[in-house]
Protein backbone atom coordinates (compact mmCIF):
# COMPACT_ATOMS: atom_id res chain seq x y z
CA MET A 1 98.16 55.90 20.73
CA LYS A 2 95.06 56.00 23.00
CA THR A 3 91.97 58.12 21.89
CA VAL A 4 89.53 60.38 23.49
CA PHE A 5 86.36 61.66 22.30
CA VAL A 6 85.82 65.27 21.79
CA VAL A 7 82.24 66.06 21.83
CA TYR A 8 82.47 69.83 20.38
CA ALA A 9 85.14 71.67 18.94
CA ASP A 10 85.53 74.31 21.44
CA ASP A 11 85.71 71.82 24.46
CA ASN A 12 89.12 71.90 26.41
CA VAL A 13 88.72 68.31 27.62
CA GLY A 14 88.17 65.07 25.77
CA THR A 15 86.81 61.78 27.33
CA ALA A 16 88.39 58.26 27.41
CA VAL A 17 85.43 56.53 25.90
CA LEU A 18 87.24 53.20 24.44
CA GLU A 19 89.60 52.36 27.19
CA PRO A 20 91.45 53.78 30.28
CA ILE A 21 94.68 55.75 29.82
CA SER A 22 97.74 55.25 31.89
CA ALA A 23 100.15 58.27 32.84
CA GLY A 24 102.72 58.39 29.76
CA ASP A 25 100.29 57.31 27.26
CA SER A 26 100.39 59.09 23.87
CA VAL A 27 96.74 60.64 23.33
CA ALA A 28 94.93 61.83 20.21
CA SER A 29 91.61 63.67 19.73
CA ASN A 30 88.85 62.38 17.90
CA GLY A 31 85.50 63.76 17.34
CA GLU A 32 84.64 67.49 16.53
CA ARG A 33 88.33 68.15 17.21
CA SER A 34 91.12 65.57 15.92
CA ASP A 35 94.13 67.91 15.97
CA ILE A 36 95.28 67.43 19.42
CA GLN A 37 98.26 65.06 20.54
CA LEU A 38 99.57 65.04 23.95
CA THR A 39 100.92 62.72 26.77
CA ALA A 40 98.80 61.89 29.65
CA ARG A 41 100.08 63.33 32.92
CA ALA A 42 98.26 60.96 35.07
CA ASP A 43 95.91 57.85 34.91
CA ILE A 44 92.31 58.43 33.26
CA ALA A 45 89.69 56.17 33.92
CA TYR A 46 87.18 55.01 31.43
CA GLY A 47 84.64 57.86 31.13
CA HIS A 48 86.60 60.41 32.80
CA LYS A 49 88.06 63.53 31.10
CA ILE A 50 91.54 64.80 30.37
CA ALA A 51 92.70 68.17 29.55
CA LEU A 52 93.13 68.85 25.83
CA LEU A 53 94.88 72.39 26.64
CA ASP A 54 96.07 74.18 29.56
CA ILE A 55 93.39 75.52 31.95
CA ALA A 56 94.06 78.04 34.16
CA ALA A 57 92.80 78.30 37.84
CA GLY A 58 89.10 80.11 37.53
CA ALA A 59 88.70 79.43 33.93
CA THR A 60 85.58 77.42 32.59
CA VAL A 61 85.58 73.76 31.64
CA LEU A 62 83.96 73.13 28.24
CA LYS A 63 82.48 70.03 27.58
CA TYR A 64 79.42 69.43 24.97
CA GLY A 65 80.15 72.94 23.85
CA LEU A 66 78.88 74.19 27.52
CA SER A 67 80.68 74.98 30.63
CA ILE A 68 80.65 72.03 33.31
CA GLY A 69 82.34 73.80 35.81
CA SER A 70 85.72 76.13 36.79
CA ALA A 71 88.99 75.04 37.52
CA THR A 72 89.78 75.08 41.17
CA ARG A 73 93.29 75.17 40.20
CA ASP A 74 95.59 75.15 37.04
CA ILE A 75 95.21 72.23 34.96
CA ARG A 76 97.78 71.32 32.41
CA ALA A 77 97.33 69.59 29.08
CA GLY A 78 97.28 65.83 29.62
CA ASP A 79 95.91 65.91 33.49
CA HIS A 80 92.93 64.24 34.69
CA VAL A 81 89.85 66.65 34.92
CA HIS A 82 87.45 65.50 37.73
CA THR A 83 86.15 66.76 41.20
CA HIS A 84 89.74 67.05 42.59
CA ASN A 85 90.36 70.08 40.34
CA VAL A 86 86.93 71.37 39.16
CA GLU A 87 83.92 72.83 40.64
CA SER A 88 80.62 72.19 39.11
CA ASN A 89 78.30 75.22 38.44
CA ARG A 90 75.31 73.12 37.79
CA GLY A 91 72.58 72.79 40.10
CA ARG A 92 74.38 75.39 42.32
CA GLY A 93 71.88 77.42 44.32
CA ASP A 94 74.24 79.61 46.02
CA LEU A 95 75.01 80.81 42.57
CA ALA A 96 71.52 81.43 41.24
CA GLU A 97 70.41 85.21 40.81
CA SER A 98 68.02 86.35 43.40
């Protein structure tokens, strides 16, 4: 079984910090949340994120207990979470309050 690290208990993504994960691998969470087991639906490169739970399009993606962006489409538990399905909300001047 592969392990992903979860920084904060409310995070909905975990990070592959020990080794890459292949689609079909069994994955368990470790860190602040160690109660999740799932099957990877995609290859996850070392250092990349995997969805721990289903994340609806438009919903907040949480890592470090903070928003790192919004899902641009539905993300299923076990999916690779990266720029292809998350839009960052950091450093976005177009979102700054005037």
